[in-house]
Amino acid sequence: MNTKYAIALILALQVSMSLCEIPAPDQELVDKYEGYKATFYKRLLNAYSKLQAAAAPMVEKMGESPQGAAAKDYIEDLQNKPELQAAIKVGSALVEEVGPLVDKVRQSILGLYGQHVRPHVGKLLSETIDHVKVHLDKFLPAE
C-alpha cells in the first residue's frame, strides 16, 4: 500500500515539476561560467603535460627491465584488442549523444542558480573563487 502512495507522490511531483518554468541564465553568468570552465581545463592540461614530462624518463627506464617490458607488451596487446576498440567507439558515441542533454541541464542549473542562489551567495562565492585563483596561479597555472 505504501508503494502505491510513493509512486503516486513521485508522479505528482513529476507533473508539478514539468509545469514549472526554469529560468534562462543571464548572459553575464554564462560568460563567467564559461571563463571559469576554460581556465579549469587549461589548468588540467598544463598539469597533465607537466606530469607527462616528469614521468617520461621513468617510463623509458621502466621499459628496459624485464617486468617493464612485459607490462609494455601487455598494454600494447590490450590496445590492439577489438573489444577495447569497440568500447572506445561506444563510449565516444555515447558522449556525442549525451552532450546536448548535458548542456541543457547545465543551462537549467545556471538559470536556477542565477535566480535563487546567486542573490544570496554570489558575491561571497565570487570573492572565494578569486582568492583561490591566486593560489592556483602559483601552484597550477593555466598557461
N, C-alpha and C. Protein backbone atom coordinates (compact mmCIF):
# COMPACT_ATOMS: atom_id res chain seq x y z
N MET A 1 0.82 -1.19 0.00
CA MET A 1 0.00 0.00 0.00
C MET A 1 0.87 1.26 0.00
N ASN A 2 1.95 1.25 0.80
CA ASN A 2 2.84 2.41 0.84
C ASN A 2 3.53 2.64 -0.49
N THR A 3 3.76 1.55 -1.22
CA THR A 3 4.40 1.68 -2.53
C THR A 3 3.50 2.44 -3.48
N LYS A 4 2.21 2.20 -3.42
CA LYS A 4 1.28 2.91 -4.29
C LYS A 4 1.29 4.41 -3.98
N TYR A 5 1.34 4.74 -2.70
CA TYR A 5 1.41 6.15 -2.32
C TYR A 5 2.72 6.79 -2.78
N ALA A 6 3.79 6.06 -2.66
CA ALA A 6 5.08 6.58 -3.09
C ALA A 6 5.09 6.83 -4.59
N ILE A 7 4.56 5.90 -5.36
CA ILE A 7 4.50 6.07 -6.82
C ILE A 7 3.59 7.24 -7.18
N ALA A 8 2.46 7.36 -6.51
CA ALA A 8 1.55 8.47 -6.77
C ALA A 8 2.22 9.80 -6.45
N LEU A 9 2.98 9.85 -5.37
CA LEU A 9 3.69 11.07 -5.00
C LEU A 9 4.76 11.41 -6.02
N ILE A 10 5.49 10.42 -6.47
CA ILE A 10 6.53 10.66 -7.48
C ILE A 10 5.92 11.19 -8.77
N LEU A 11 4.82 10.57 -9.21
CA LEU A 11 4.16 11.04 -10.43
C LEU A 11 3.62 12.45 -10.27
N ALA A 12 3.04 12.76 -9.11
CA ALA A 12 2.53 14.11 -8.87
C ALA A 12 3.67 15.13 -8.88
N LEU A 13 4.81 14.76 -8.29
CA LEU A 13 5.96 15.67 -8.31
C LEU A 13 6.50 15.86 -9.72
N GLN A 14 6.50 14.80 -10.51
CA GLN A 14 6.97 14.93 -11.88
C GLN A 14 6.06 15.85 -12.68
N VAL A 15 4.75 15.72 -12.51
CA VAL A 15 3.82 16.59 -13.22
C VAL A 15 4.00 18.03 -12.77
N SER A 16 4.13 18.24 -11.47
CA SER A 16 4.28 19.61 -10.98
C SER A 16 5.60 20.21 -11.44
N MET A 17 6.65 19.39 -11.51
CA MET A 17 7.94 19.90 -11.98
C MET A 17 7.91 20.19 -13.47
N SER A 18 7.15 19.41 -14.23
CA SER A 18 7.07 19.66 -15.67
C SER A 18 6.31 20.95 -15.95
N LEU A 19 5.47 21.36 -15.02
CA LEU A 19 4.74 22.60 -15.19
C LEU A 19 5.54 23.82 -14.74
N CYS A 20 6.62 23.59 -14.03
CA CYS A 20 7.46 24.68 -13.58
C CYS A 20 8.28 25.22 -14.74
N GLU A 21 8.47 26.51 -14.73
CA GLU A 21 9.29 27.12 -15.77
C GLU A 21 10.68 27.37 -15.19
N ILE A 22 11.68 26.83 -15.84
CA ILE A 22 13.05 27.02 -15.38
C ILE A 22 13.59 28.26 -16.10
N PRO A 23 14.07 29.23 -15.33
CA PRO A 23 14.52 30.48 -15.94
C PRO A 23 15.81 30.29 -16.73
N ALA A 24 15.97 31.11 -17.75
CA ALA A 24 17.21 31.10 -18.52
C ALA A 24 18.26 31.89 -17.75
N PRO A 25 19.51 31.45 -17.80
CA PRO A 25 20.56 32.17 -17.06
C PRO A 25 20.92 33.48 -17.75
N ASP A 26 21.41 34.42 -16.95
CA ASP A 26 21.88 35.68 -17.50
C ASP A 26 23.11 35.42 -18.37
N GLN A 27 23.28 36.22 -19.41
CA GLN A 27 24.43 36.03 -20.30
C GLN A 27 25.74 36.30 -19.56
N GLU A 28 25.72 37.24 -18.62
CA GLU A 28 26.92 37.53 -17.83
C GLU A 28 27.33 36.32 -17.00
N LEU A 29 26.35 35.62 -16.43
CA LEU A 29 26.63 34.43 -15.64
C LEU A 29 27.16 33.31 -16.52
N VAL A 30 26.59 33.15 -17.71
CA VAL A 30 27.06 32.12 -18.64
C VAL A 30 28.49 32.41 -19.07
N ASP A 31 28.79 33.68 -19.37
CA ASP A 31 30.15 34.05 -19.78
C ASP A 31 31.15 33.80 -18.65
N LYS A 32 30.75 34.13 -17.44
CA LYS A 32 31.63 33.91 -16.29
C LYS A 32 31.88 32.42 -16.09
N TYR A 33 30.83 31.62 -16.19
CA TYR A 33 30.97 30.17 -16.05
C TYR A 33 31.87 29.60 -17.14
N GLU A 34 31.66 30.03 -18.38
CA GLU A 34 32.49 29.53 -19.49
C GLU A 34 33.95 29.93 -19.30
N GLY A 35 34.19 31.12 -18.78
CA GLY A 35 35.57 31.54 -18.49
C GLY A 35 36.21 30.67 -17.42
N TYR A 36 35.47 30.40 -16.36
CA TYR A 36 35.99 29.53 -15.30
C TYR A 36 36.25 28.11 -15.82
N LYS A 37 35.33 27.63 -16.65
CA LYS A 37 35.48 26.28 -17.20
C LYS A 37 36.71 26.20 -18.11
N ALA A 38 36.89 27.20 -18.96
CA ALA A 38 38.05 27.20 -19.87
C ALA A 38 39.35 27.27 -19.08
N THR A 39 39.39 28.09 -18.05
CA THR A 39 40.59 28.18 -17.22
C THR A 39 40.86 26.87 -16.50
N PHE A 40 39.81 26.22 -16.02
CA PHE A 40 39.96 24.93 -15.34
C PHE A 40 40.55 23.89 -16.28
N TYR A 41 40.03 23.83 -17.51
CA TYR A 41 40.56 22.86 -18.48
C TYR A 41 42.01 23.17 -18.84
N LYS A 42 42.35 24.46 -18.95
CA LYS A 42 43.74 24.82 -19.23
C LYS A 42 44.65 24.38 -18.09
N ARG A 43 44.19 24.56 -16.86
CA ARG A 43 44.97 24.12 -15.70
C ARG A 43 45.17 22.61 -15.73
N LEU A 44 44.12 21.87 -16.04
CA LEU A 44 44.23 20.41 -16.11
C LEU A 44 45.20 19.98 -17.21
N LEU A 45 45.11 20.59 -18.38
CA LEU A 45 46.02 20.24 -19.47
C LEU A 45 47.46 20.58 -19.12
N ASN A 46 47.65 21.71 -18.47
CA ASN A 46 49.00 22.10 -18.05
C ASN A 46 49.55 21.11 -17.03
N ALA A 47 48.74 20.72 -16.07
CA ALA A 47 49.18 19.75 -15.07
C ALA A 47 49.47 18.40 -15.72
N TYR A 48 48.66 18.00 -16.68
CA TYR A 48 48.88 16.73 -17.37
C TYR A 48 50.18 16.76 -18.16
N SER A 49 50.44 17.87 -18.84
CA SER A 49 51.68 17.95 -19.62
C SER A 49 52.90 17.95 -18.71
N LYS A 50 52.81 18.61 -17.56
CA LYS A 50 53.93 18.58 -16.62
C LYS A 50 54.14 17.19 -16.05
N LEU A 51 53.06 16.51 -15.72
CA LEU A 51 53.14 15.15 -15.20
C LEU A 51 53.71 14.21 -16.25
N GLN A 52 53.28 14.37 -17.48
CA GLN A 52 53.77 13.53 -18.56
C GLN A 52 55.27 13.78 -18.80
N ALA A 53 55.69 15.03 -18.75
CA ALA A 53 57.10 15.35 -18.93
C ALA A 53 57.94 14.79 -17.79
N ALA A 54 57.41 14.81 -16.58
CA ALA A 54 58.15 14.28 -15.44
C ALA A 54 58.20 12.75 -15.46
N ALA A 55 57.15 12.13 -15.97
CA ALA A 55 57.10 10.67 -15.96
C ALA A 55 57.78 10.03 -17.17
N ALA A 56 58.04 10.79 -18.22
CA ALA A 56 58.63 10.23 -19.44
C ALA A 56 59.96 9.53 -19.19
N PRO A 57 60.90 10.13 -18.46
CA PRO A 57 62.16 9.42 -18.23
C PRO A 57 61.98 8.12 -17.45
N MET A 58 61.07 8.12 -16.48
CA MET A 58 60.82 6.90 -15.70
C MET A 58 60.21 5.81 -16.56
N VAL A 59 59.33 6.19 -17.46
CA VAL A 59 58.70 5.21 -18.33
C VAL A 59 59.72 4.62 -19.29
N GLU A 60 60.63 5.45 -19.77
CA GLU A 60 61.68 4.95 -20.66
C GLU A 60 62.58 3.95 -19.94
N LYS A 61 62.95 4.26 -18.71
CA LYS A 61 63.80 3.35 -17.94
C LYS A 61 63.05 2.08 -17.56
N MET A 62 61.75 2.20 -17.34
CA MET A 62 60.97 1.05 -16.95
C MET A 62 60.90 0.02 -18.08
N GLY A 63 60.95 0.47 -19.32
CA GLY A 63 60.89 -0.43 -20.45
C GLY A 63 62.14 -1.29 -20.60
N GLU A 64 63.22 -0.92 -19.93
CA GLU A 64 64.47 -1.67 -20.02
C GLU A 64 64.46 -2.91 -19.12
N SER A 65 63.70 -2.90 -18.05
CA SER A 65 63.66 -4.05 -17.15
C SER A 65 62.73 -5.13 -17.71
N PRO A 66 62.90 -6.38 -17.31
CA PRO A 66 62.03 -7.45 -17.82
C PRO A 66 60.56 -7.26 -17.43
N GLN A 67 60.32 -6.81 -16.19
CA GLN A 67 58.94 -6.57 -15.77
C GLN A 67 58.32 -5.41 -16.55
N GLY A 68 59.11 -4.38 -16.77
CA GLY A 68 58.62 -3.23 -17.52
C GLY A 68 58.33 -3.60 -18.96
N ALA A 69 59.19 -4.43 -19.56
CA ALA A 69 58.95 -4.87 -20.93
C ALA A 69 57.69 -5.71 -21.02
N ALA A 70 57.46 -6.56 -20.03
CA ALA A 70 56.25 -7.38 -20.02
C ALA A 70 55.01 -6.50 -19.88
N ALA A 71 55.09 -5.49 -19.03
CA ALA A 71 53.95 -4.58 -18.86
C ALA A 71 53.69 -3.80 -20.15
N LYS A 72 54.78 -3.37 -20.81
CA LYS A 72 54.64 -2.63 -22.06
C LYS A 72 54.00 -3.51 -23.13
N ASP A 73 54.42 -4.78 -23.22
CA ASP A 73 53.83 -5.70 -24.19
C ASP A 73 52.36 -5.94 -23.90
N TYR A 74 52.02 -6.07 -22.62
CA TYR A 74 50.62 -6.29 -22.23
C TYR A 74 49.75 -5.09 -22.63
N ILE A 75 50.25 -3.89 -22.40
CA ILE A 75 49.49 -2.68 -22.74
C ILE A 75 49.32 -2.58 -24.25
N GLU A 76 50.38 -2.89 -25.01
CA GLU A 76 50.27 -2.85 -26.46
C GLU A 76 49.26 -3.88 -26.97
N ASP A 77 49.28 -5.09 -26.38
CA ASP A 77 48.31 -6.11 -26.77
C ASP A 77 46.89 -5.67 -26.42
N LEU A 78 46.74 -5.05 -25.28
CA LEU A 78 45.43 -4.59 -24.85
C LEU A 78 44.89 -3.51 -25.79
N GLN A 79 45.77 -2.64 -26.27
CA GLN A 79 45.34 -1.58 -27.18
C GLN A 79 44.91 -2.13 -28.54
N ASN A 80 45.45 -3.26 -28.93
CA ASN A 80 45.13 -3.84 -30.23
C ASN A 80 43.90 -4.75 -30.20
N LYS A 81 43.35 -5.01 -29.03
CA LYS A 81 42.19 -5.90 -28.93
C LYS A 81 40.95 -5.21 -29.51
N PRO A 82 40.16 -5.95 -30.29
CA PRO A 82 38.95 -5.35 -30.86
C PRO A 82 37.90 -4.99 -29.81
N GLU A 83 37.90 -5.69 -28.67
CA GLU A 83 36.94 -5.37 -27.63
C GLU A 83 37.16 -3.96 -27.08
N LEU A 84 38.42 -3.61 -26.90
CA LEU A 84 38.74 -2.27 -26.40
C LEU A 84 38.38 -1.22 -27.44
N GLN A 85 38.67 -1.50 -28.70
CA GLN A 85 38.32 -0.55 -29.77
C GLN A 85 36.80 -0.34 -29.82
N ALA A 86 36.04 -1.43 -29.67
CA ALA A 86 34.58 -1.31 -29.67
C ALA A 86 34.09 -0.51 -28.48
N ALA A 87 34.69 -0.73 -27.32
CA ALA A 87 34.30 0.02 -26.12
C ALA A 87 34.60 1.50 -26.30
N ILE A 88 35.73 1.81 -26.92
CA ILE A 88 36.08 3.22 -27.17
C ILE A 88 35.08 3.85 -28.12
N LYS A 89 34.69 3.13 -29.17
CA LYS A 89 33.71 3.66 -30.12
C LYS A 89 32.37 3.89 -29.45
N VAL A 90 31.93 2.94 -28.63
CA VAL A 90 30.65 3.09 -27.93
C VAL A 90 30.72 4.27 -26.96
N GLY A 91 31.83 4.39 -26.25
CA GLY A 91 31.98 5.49 -25.30
C GLY A 91 31.97 6.84 -25.99
N SER A 92 32.67 6.97 -27.10
CA SER A 92 32.70 8.25 -27.80
C SER A 92 31.34 8.57 -28.41
N ALA A 93 30.62 7.55 -28.92
CA ALA A 93 29.28 7.80 -29.44
C ALA A 93 28.33 8.21 -28.32
N LEU A 94 28.48 7.61 -27.15
CA LEU A 94 27.65 7.96 -26.00
C LEU A 94 27.90 9.39 -25.57
N VAL A 95 29.16 9.78 -25.53
CA VAL A 95 29.49 11.17 -25.17
C VAL A 95 28.90 12.14 -26.18
N GLU A 96 28.95 11.76 -27.46
CA GLU A 96 28.41 12.62 -28.51
C GLU A 96 26.89 12.77 -28.39
N GLU A 97 26.21 11.70 -28.02
CA GLU A 97 24.76 11.74 -27.89
C GLU A 97 24.32 12.47 -26.63
N VAL A 98 25.08 12.33 -25.55
CA VAL A 98 24.69 12.90 -24.26
C VAL A 98 25.08 14.38 -24.16
N GLY A 99 25.97 14.83 -25.02
CA GLY A 99 26.46 16.21 -24.96
C GLY A 99 25.37 17.27 -24.92
N PRO A 100 24.41 17.26 -25.87
CA PRO A 100 23.35 18.27 -25.83
C PRO A 100 22.50 18.21 -24.56
N LEU A 101 22.26 17.01 -24.05
CA LEU A 101 21.48 16.87 -22.82
C LEU A 101 22.24 17.49 -21.65
N VAL A 102 23.53 17.27 -21.59
CA VAL A 102 24.35 17.85 -20.52
C VAL A 102 24.34 19.37 -20.61
N ASP A 103 24.42 19.91 -21.83
CA ASP A 103 24.37 21.36 -22.00
C ASP A 103 23.03 21.93 -21.53
N LYS A 104 21.95 21.23 -21.83
CA LYS A 104 20.63 21.69 -21.41
C LYS A 104 20.51 21.68 -19.88
N VAL A 105 21.00 20.62 -19.27
CA VAL A 105 20.97 20.52 -17.80
C VAL A 105 21.84 21.62 -17.19
N ARG A 106 23.00 21.85 -17.77
CA ARG A 106 23.90 22.89 -17.27
C ARG A 106 23.23 24.26 -17.35
N GLN A 107 22.56 24.55 -18.46
CA GLN A 107 21.87 25.83 -18.59
C GLN A 107 20.74 25.96 -17.58
N SER A 108 20.04 24.87 -17.34
CA SER A 108 18.95 24.89 -16.35
C SER A 108 19.51 25.15 -14.95
N ILE A 109 20.59 24.48 -14.61
CA ILE A 109 21.19 24.67 -13.29
C ILE A 109 21.71 26.09 -13.13
N LEU A 110 22.33 26.63 -14.19
CA LEU A 110 22.79 28.02 -14.12
C LEU A 110 21.61 28.98 -13.96
N GLY A 111 20.50 28.69 -14.65
CA GLY A 111 19.32 29.54 -14.51
C GLY A 111 18.76 29.50 -13.10
N LEU A 112 18.66 28.30 -12.53
CA LEU A 112 18.17 28.18 -11.15
C LEU A 112 19.12 28.84 -10.17
N TYR A 113 20.43 28.65 -10.38
CA TYR A 113 21.42 29.30 -9.51
C TYR A 113 21.29 30.81 -9.61
N GLY A 114 21.19 31.32 -10.83
CA GLY A 114 21.12 32.77 -11.03
C GLY A 114 19.90 33.40 -10.40
N GLN A 115 18.79 32.67 -10.38
CA GLN A 115 17.56 33.25 -9.84
C GLN A 115 17.45 33.06 -8.33
N HIS A 116 17.83 31.89 -7.83
CA HIS A 116 17.54 31.59 -6.43
C HIS A 116 18.75 31.70 -5.49
N VAL A 117 19.93 31.34 -5.94
CA VAL A 117 21.08 31.25 -5.04
C VAL A 117 22.01 32.45 -5.18
N ARG A 118 22.23 32.90 -6.39
CA ARG A 118 23.21 33.96 -6.62
C ARG A 118 22.94 35.24 -5.85
N PRO A 119 21.70 35.68 -5.72
CA PRO A 119 21.48 36.91 -4.94
C PRO A 119 21.97 36.81 -3.50
N HIS A 120 22.01 35.60 -2.95
CA HIS A 120 22.38 35.43 -1.55
C HIS A 120 23.87 35.15 -1.36
N VAL A 121 24.46 34.32 -2.22
CA VAL A 121 25.85 33.90 -2.00
C VAL A 121 26.76 34.23 -3.18
N GLY A 122 26.25 34.90 -4.20
CA GLY A 122 27.03 35.14 -5.41
C GLY A 122 28.30 35.94 -5.17
N LYS A 123 28.20 37.02 -4.38
CA LYS A 123 29.36 37.87 -4.12
C LYS A 123 30.41 37.12 -3.31
N LEU A 124 29.98 36.40 -2.29
CA LEU A 124 30.91 35.63 -1.46
C LEU A 124 31.59 34.53 -2.28
N LEU A 125 30.82 33.85 -3.11
CA LEU A 125 31.39 32.79 -3.94
C LEU A 125 32.39 33.36 -4.94
N SER A 126 32.08 34.48 -5.55
CA SER A 126 32.99 35.11 -6.50
C SER A 126 34.29 35.54 -5.81
N GLU A 127 34.19 36.13 -4.62
CA GLU A 127 35.38 36.52 -3.88
C GLU A 127 36.21 35.30 -3.49
N THR A 128 35.55 34.22 -3.10
CA THR A 128 36.26 32.99 -2.72
C THR A 128 36.98 32.40 -3.93
N ILE A 129 36.33 32.38 -5.07
CA ILE A 129 36.97 31.86 -6.28
C ILE A 129 38.16 32.71 -6.66
N ASP A 130 38.04 34.03 -6.56
CA ASP A 130 39.17 34.91 -6.87
C ASP A 130 40.32 34.68 -5.90
N HIS A 131 40.02 34.43 -4.64
CA HIS A 131 41.06 34.16 -3.65
C HIS A 131 41.77 32.84 -3.95
N VAL A 132 41.01 31.83 -4.32
CA VAL A 132 41.59 30.52 -4.64
C VAL A 132 42.42 30.61 -5.93
N LYS A 133 41.98 31.42 -6.88
CA LYS A 133 42.71 31.56 -8.14
C LYS A 133 44.11 32.10 -7.92
N VAL A 134 44.29 32.95 -6.93
CA VAL A 134 45.62 33.48 -6.63
C VAL A 134 46.57 32.34 -6.26
N HIS A 135 46.09 31.43 -5.44
CA HIS A 135 46.92 30.30 -5.03
C HIS A 135 47.11 29.30 -6.18
N LEU A 136 46.06 29.08 -6.96
CA LEU A 136 46.18 28.17 -8.09
C LEU A 136 47.15 28.69 -9.14
N ASP A 137 47.19 30.01 -9.32
CA ASP A 137 48.13 30.59 -10.28
C ASP A 137 49.58 30.34 -9.87
N LYS A 138 49.83 30.21 -8.57
CA LYS A 138 51.19 29.91 -8.10
C LYS A 138 51.55 28.46 -8.34
N PHE A 139 50.65 27.55 -7.98
CA PHE A 139 50.97 26.13 -7.99
C PHE A 139 50.51 25.38 -9.23
N LEU A 140 49.46 25.84 -9.86
CA LEU A 140 48.91 25.15 -11.03
C LEU A 140 48.44 26.20 -12.05
N PRO A 141 49.38 26.87 -12.70
CA PRO A 141 48.99 27.95 -13.62
C PRO A 141 48.23 27.40 -14.83
N ALA A 142 47.46 28.29 -15.46
CA ALA A 142 46.67 27.90 -16.61
C ALA A 142 47.47 27.99 -17.90
N GLU A 143 48.68 28.45 -17.83
CA GLU A 143 49.49 28.63 -19.06
C GLU A 143 50.65 27.69 -19.10
